[in-house]
Amino acid sequence: MIFREARLGHDIAKEIRDRALDKTYIDLHTDEGETYNRVVVADIPEWTKSLEELCGPILMLGMGFRLNYKGEFPNHAIHTDEGWGTHAGVLYLSTGGGGTAFWSSTGPNSVEINRCVEEFGKYCVYKSKQPHSRWPMDAYGDCPENGRLVAVCFFNIIEEM
């Protein structure tokens, strides 16, 4: 499986969003010297269940929420999640739009968006080696209620191990 999209029910997505808005976010500093603003590690059982319905049995390696505001640009504009498992997922919890762009090479030193996912309650699962970025690159909002809010996860599909 390279890329799949699915949707959580609106009530479930709203419940997850409400829990995310109630969390205390921290800035995560990595051994590589990166800082990821407003992150919280959290288990999201409803999403895990939906992921398993979509992908089959999975080994979850990490899951949580990320919140960004206008003027904050991504650490790596276009990047992959290699090293974080074979697959990644993003669940869109913002009510004001924004999402994830998936990129493909169009020649030497050039890329173009070949798909963009951005709808509340929708999520996508993709191979961690797929180049992607936040979209738009600049986040939006100035508080938890109107900022860019996503749930992210990294996992292996057991049947592919």
C-alpha atoms as a PDB file:
ATOM      1  CA  MET A   1       0.000   0.000   0.000  1.00  0.00           C
ATOM      2  CA  ILE A   2       1.494   3.326  -1.096  1.00  0.00           C
ATOM      3  CA  PHE A   3      -1.293   5.801  -0.267  1.00  0.00           C
ATOM      4  CA  ARG A   4      -4.837   5.558   1.041  1.00  0.00           C
ATOM      5  CA  GLU A   5      -7.415   8.019   2.299  1.00  0.00           C
ATOM      6  CA  ALA A   6     -10.197   7.379   4.786  1.00  0.00           C
ATOM      7  CA  ARG A   7     -12.532   9.312   7.040  1.00  0.00           C
ATOM      8  CA  LEU A   8     -13.503   9.113  10.669  1.00  0.00           C
ATOM      9  CA  GLY A   9     -17.100   9.887  11.555  1.00  0.00           C
ATOM     10  CA  HIS A  10     -17.666  13.596  12.265  1.00  0.00           C
ATOM     11  CA  ASP A  11     -18.576  12.955  15.928  1.00  0.00           C
ATOM     12  CA  ILE A  12     -15.446  10.837  16.478  1.00  0.00           C
ATOM     13  CA  ALA A  13     -13.234  13.423  14.774  1.00  0.00           C
ATOM     14  CA  LYS A  14     -14.792  16.198  16.877  1.00  0.00           C
ATOM     15  CA  GLU A  15     -14.208  14.197  20.072  1.00  0.00           C
ATOM     16  CA  ILE A  16     -10.544  13.657  19.114  1.00  0.00           C
ATOM     17  CA  ARG A  17     -10.202  17.374  18.281  1.00  0.00           C
ATOM     18  CA  ASP A  18     -11.703  18.329  21.666  1.00  0.00           C
ATOM     19  CA  ARG A  19      -9.187  16.044  23.433  1.00  0.00           C
ATOM     20  CA  ALA A  20      -6.358  17.546  21.389  1.00  0.00           C
ATOM     21  CA  LEU A  21      -7.421  21.073  22.338  1.00  0.00           C
ATOM     22  CA  ASP A  22      -7.363  20.039  26.018  1.00  0.00           C
ATOM     23  CA  LYS A  23      -3.735  18.827  25.894  1.00  0.00           C
ATOM     24  CA  THR A  24      -0.616  20.620  27.110  1.00  0.00           C
ATOM     25  CA  TYR A  25       1.793  20.991  24.199  1.00  0.00           C
ATOM     26  CA  ILE A  26       5.574  21.091  24.462  1.00  0.00           C
ATOM     27  CA  ASP A  27       8.386  21.940  22.086  1.00  0.00           C
ATOM     28  CA  LEU A  28      10.148  18.688  21.232  1.00  0.00           C
ATOM     29  CA  HIS A  29      13.936  18.907  20.874  1.00  0.00           C
ATOM     30  CA  THR A  30      15.546  16.027  18.961  1.00  0.00           C
ATOM     31  CA  ASP A  31      19.061  14.599  19.126  1.00  0.00           C
ATOM     32  CA  GLU A  32      19.592  15.929  15.584  1.00  0.00           C
ATOM     33  CA  GLY A  33      19.164  19.508  16.824  1.00  0.00           C
ATOM     34  CA  GLU A  34      15.628  20.012  15.478  1.00  0.00           C
ATOM     35  CA  THR A  35      12.839  21.597  17.494  1.00  0.00           C
ATOM     36  CA  TYR A  36       9.246  20.698  16.696  1.00  0.00           C
ATOM     37  CA  ASN A  37       6.853  23.297  18.103  1.00  0.00           C
ATOM     38  CA  ARG A  38       3.753  22.278  20.067  1.00  0.00           C
ATOM     39  CA  VAL A  39       3.781  18.492  20.105  1.00  0.00           C
ATOM     40  CA  VAL A  40       2.101  16.059  22.482  1.00  0.00           C
ATOM     41  CA  VAL A  41       2.481  12.285  22.453  1.00  0.00           C
ATOM     42  CA  ALA A  42      -0.943  10.711  22.926  1.00  0.00           C
ATOM     43  CA  ASP A  43      -2.729   7.456  22.236  1.00  0.00           C
ATOM     44  CA  ILE A  44      -5.802   7.849  20.006  1.00  0.00           C
ATOM     45  CA  PRO A  45      -7.555   4.467  20.203  1.00  0.00           C
ATOM     46  CA  GLU A  46     -10.398   5.353  17.813  1.00  0.00           C
ATOM     47  CA  TRP A  47      -7.919   6.258  15.108  1.00  0.00           C
ATOM     48  CA  THR A  48      -5.805   3.165  15.733  1.00  0.00           C
ATOM     49  CA  LYS A  49      -8.936   1.035  15.285  1.00  0.00           C
ATOM     50  CA  SER A  50      -9.778   2.805  12.020  1.00  0.00           C
ATOM     51  CA  LEU A  51      -6.184   2.423  10.796  1.00  0.00           C
ATOM     52  CA  GLU A  52      -6.352  -1.311  11.434  1.00  0.00           C
ATOM     53  CA  GLU A  53      -9.649  -1.555   9.558  1.00  0.00           C
ATOM     54  CA  LEU A  54      -7.963   0.188   6.614  1.00  0.00           C
ATOM     55  CA  CYS A  55      -4.532  -1.479   6.694  1.00  0.00           C
ATOM     56  CA  GLY A  56      -4.908  -4.709   8.665  1.00  0.00           C
ATOM     57  CA  PRO A  57      -2.921  -5.374  11.851  1.00  0.00           C
ATOM     58  CA  ILE A  58      -0.331  -2.700  12.615  1.00  0.00           C
ATOM     59  CA  LEU A  59       2.532  -2.149  15.039  1.00  0.00           C
ATOM     60  CA  MET A  60       2.117   1.442  16.253  1.00  0.00           C
ATOM     61  CA  LEU A  61       5.481   3.130  16.800  1.00  0.00           C
ATOM     62  CA  GLY A  62       4.312   6.599  17.811  1.00  0.00           C
ATOM     63  CA  MET A  63       1.204   8.750  17.817  1.00  0.00           C
ATOM     64  CA  GLY A  64       0.268  12.243  18.935  1.00  0.00           C
ATOM     65  CA  PHE A  65      -0.867  15.750  18.060  1.00  0.00           C
ATOM     66  CA  ARG A  66       0.892  18.713  16.466  1.00  0.00           C
ATOM     67  CA  LEU A  67      -0.280  22.327  16.559  1.00  0.00           C
ATOM     68  CA  ASN A  68       1.197  25.181  14.494  1.00  0.00           C
ATOM     69  CA  TYR A  69       0.405  28.875  14.059  1.00  0.00           C
ATOM     70  CA  LYS A  70       0.739  31.488  11.311  1.00  0.00           C
ATOM     71  CA  GLY A  71       4.327  32.483  10.700  1.00  0.00           C
ATOM     72  CA  GLU A  72       5.718  29.082  11.654  1.00  0.00           C
ATOM     73  CA  PHE A  73       7.285  27.272   8.758  1.00  0.00           C
ATOM     74  CA  PRO A  74       7.991  23.541   8.731  1.00  0.00           C
ATOM     75  CA  ASN A  75      11.321  22.240   9.922  1.00  0.00           C
ATOM     76  CA  HIS A  76      11.805  20.550   6.556  1.00  0.00           C
ATOM     77  CA  ALA A  77       9.502  21.914   3.878  1.00  0.00           C
ATOM     78  CA  ILE A  78       9.423  18.818   1.668  1.00  0.00           C
ATOM     79  CA  HIS A  79      10.587  15.729   3.512  1.00  0.00           C
ATOM     80  CA  THR A  80      10.044  12.022   4.099  1.00  0.00           C
ATOM     81  CA  ASP A  81       9.391  10.164   7.350  1.00  0.00           C
ATOM     82  CA  GLU A  82      11.856   7.372   6.630  1.00  0.00           C
ATOM     83  CA  GLY A  83      13.229   5.953   9.844  1.00  0.00           C
ATOM     84  CA  TRP A  84       9.846   6.303  11.585  1.00  0.00           C
ATOM     85  CA  GLY A  85       8.408   2.973  10.446  1.00  0.00           C
ATOM     86  CA  THR A  86       7.183   1.853   7.057  1.00  0.00           C
ATOM     87  CA  HIS A  87       4.036   4.010   7.091  1.00  0.00           C
ATOM     88  CA  ALA A  88       2.802   7.330   8.436  1.00  0.00           C
ATOM     89  CA  GLY A  89      -0.632   8.813   8.876  1.00  0.00           C
ATOM     90  CA  VAL A  90      -2.050  12.309   9.244  1.00  0.00           C
ATOM     91  CA  LEU A  91      -5.530  13.041  10.605  1.00  0.00           C
ATOM     92  CA  TYR A  92      -6.855  16.558   9.903  1.00  0.00           C
ATOM     93  CA  LEU A  93      -8.363  18.206  12.969  1.00  0.00           C
ATOM     94  CA  SER A  94      -8.329  21.848  11.832  1.00  0.00           C
ATOM     95  CA  THR A  95     -11.629  23.452  11.015  1.00  0.00           C
ATOM     96  CA  GLY A  96     -10.118  26.136   8.770  1.00  0.00           C
ATOM     97  CA  GLY A  97      -8.592  24.002   6.042  1.00  0.00           C
ATOM     98  CA  GLY A  98      -4.977  23.226   5.321  1.00  0.00           C
ATOM     99  CA  GLY A  99      -3.523  19.790   4.949  1.00  0.00           C
ATOM    100  CA  THR A 100      -0.659  17.820   3.484  1.00  0.00           C
ATOM    101  CA  ALA A 101       0.771  17.968  -0.023  1.00  0.00           C
ATOM    102  CA  PHE A 102       2.391  14.915  -1.584  1.00  0.00           C
ATOM    103  CA  TRP A 103       5.154  15.625  -4.073  1.00  0.00           C
ATOM    104  CA  SER A 104       6.698  13.879  -7.040  1.00  0.00           C
ATOM    105  CA  SER A 105       9.785  14.678  -9.071  1.00  0.00           C
ATOM    106  CA  THR A 106       9.226  16.355 -12.432  1.00  0.00           C
ATOM    107  CA  GLY A 107      12.865  16.522 -13.420  1.00  0.00           C
ATOM    108  CA  PRO A 108      16.230  17.606 -12.052  1.00  0.00           C
ATOM    109  CA  ASN A 109      15.734  19.841  -8.997  1.00  0.00           C
ATOM    110  CA  SER A 110      12.002  20.272  -9.552  1.00  0.00           C
ATOM    111  CA  VAL A 111       8.929  18.801  -7.921  1.00  0.00           C
ATOM    112  CA  GLU A 112       5.189  19.287  -8.194  1.00  0.00           C
ATOM    113  CA  ILE A 113       2.224  18.472  -6.020  1.00  0.00           C
ATOM    114  CA  ASN A 114       0.570  15.286  -7.213  1.00  0.00           C
ATOM    115  CA  ARG A 115      -2.102  15.181  -4.487  1.00  0.00           C
ATOM    116  CA  CYS A 116      -3.235  17.255  -1.525  1.00  0.00           C
ATOM    117  CA  VAL A 117      -5.419  16.115   1.359  1.00  0.00           C
ATOM    118  CA  GLU A 118      -7.172  18.732   3.476  1.00  0.00           C
ATOM    119  CA  GLU A 119     -10.545  18.039   5.025  1.00  0.00           C
ATOM    120  CA  PHE A 120     -11.649  17.843   8.677  1.00  0.00           C
ATOM    121  CA  GLY A 121     -11.996  14.266   9.897  1.00  0.00           C
ATOM    122  CA  LYS A 122     -10.218  12.825   6.895  1.00  0.00           C
ATOM    123  CA  TYR A 123      -6.921  11.055   7.183  1.00  0.00           C
ATOM    124  CA  CYS A 124      -4.323   9.652   4.862  1.00  0.00           C
ATOM    125  CA  VAL A 125      -1.861   6.821   5.222  1.00  0.00           C
ATOM    126  CA  TYR A 126       1.269   6.738   3.109  1.00  0.00           C
ATOM    127  CA  LYS A 127       4.610   4.992   2.877  1.00  0.00           C
ATOM    128  CA  SER A 128       7.056   6.886   5.059  1.00  0.00           C
ATOM    129  CA  LYS A 129       9.426   7.351   2.104  1.00  0.00           C
ATOM    130  CA  GLN A 130       6.797   9.439   0.209  1.00  0.00           C
ATOM    131  CA  PRO A 131       7.945  13.098  -0.078  1.00  0.00           C
ATOM    132  CA  HIS A 132       5.364  15.412   1.503  1.00  0.00           C
ATOM    133  CA  SER A 133       4.954  18.745   3.250  1.00  0.00           C
ATOM    134  CA  ARG A 134       2.499  20.739   5.258  1.00  0.00           C
ATOM    135  CA  TRP A 135       0.118  22.666   2.966  1.00  0.00           C
ATOM    136  CA  PRO A 136       0.154  25.559   2.823  1.00  0.00           C
ATOM    137  CA  MET A 137       3.792  25.723   3.965  1.00  0.00           C
ATOM    138  CA  ASP A 138       2.970  28.626   6.266  1.00  0.00           C
ATOM    139  CA  ALA A 139       0.615  27.495   9.022  1.00  0.00           C
ATOM    140  CA  TYR A 140      -2.356  29.638  10.078  1.00  0.00           C
ATOM    141  CA  GLY A 141      -4.197  30.886  13.131  1.00  0.00           C
ATOM    142  CA  ASP A 142      -2.914  32.220  16.425  1.00  0.00           C
ATOM    143  CA  CYS A 143      -4.445  29.940  19.070  1.00  0.00           C
ATOM    144  CA  PRO A 144      -5.339  26.260  19.480  1.00  0.00           C
ATOM    145  CA  GLU A 145      -8.898  26.769  18.218  1.00  0.00           C
ATOM    146  CA  ASN A 146      -7.878  28.254  14.849  1.00  0.00           C
ATOM    147  CA  GLY A 147      -4.325  26.943  14.334  1.00  0.00           C
ATOM    148  CA  ARG A 148      -3.226  24.012  12.190  1.00  0.00           C
ATOM    149  CA  LEU A 149      -4.039  20.945  14.264  1.00  0.00           C
ATOM    150  CA  VAL A 150      -3.252  17.411  13.136  1.00  0.00           C
ATOM    151  CA  ALA A 151      -2.807  13.992  14.659  1.00  0.00           C
ATOM    152  CA  VAL A 152       0.172  12.070  13.310  1.00  0.00           C
ATOM    153  CA  CYS A 153       1.287   8.473  13.639  1.00  0.00           C
ATOM    154  CA  PHE A 154       4.087   6.200  12.511  1.00  0.00           C
ATOM    155  CA  PHE A 155       3.677   2.443  12.213  1.00  0.00           C
ATOM    156  CA  ASN A 156       4.515  -0.794  10.463  1.00  0.00           C
ATOM    157  CA  ILE A 157       1.907  -2.924   8.722  1.00  0.00           C
ATOM    158  CA  ILE A 158       2.424  -6.362  10.244  1.00  0.00           C
ATOM    159  CA  GLU A 159       1.661  -8.282   7.013  1.00  0.00           C
ATOM    160  CA  GLU A 160       4.432  -6.334   5.261  1.00  0.00           C
ATOM    161  CA  MET A 161       7.045  -7.105   7.926  1.00  0.00           C
END
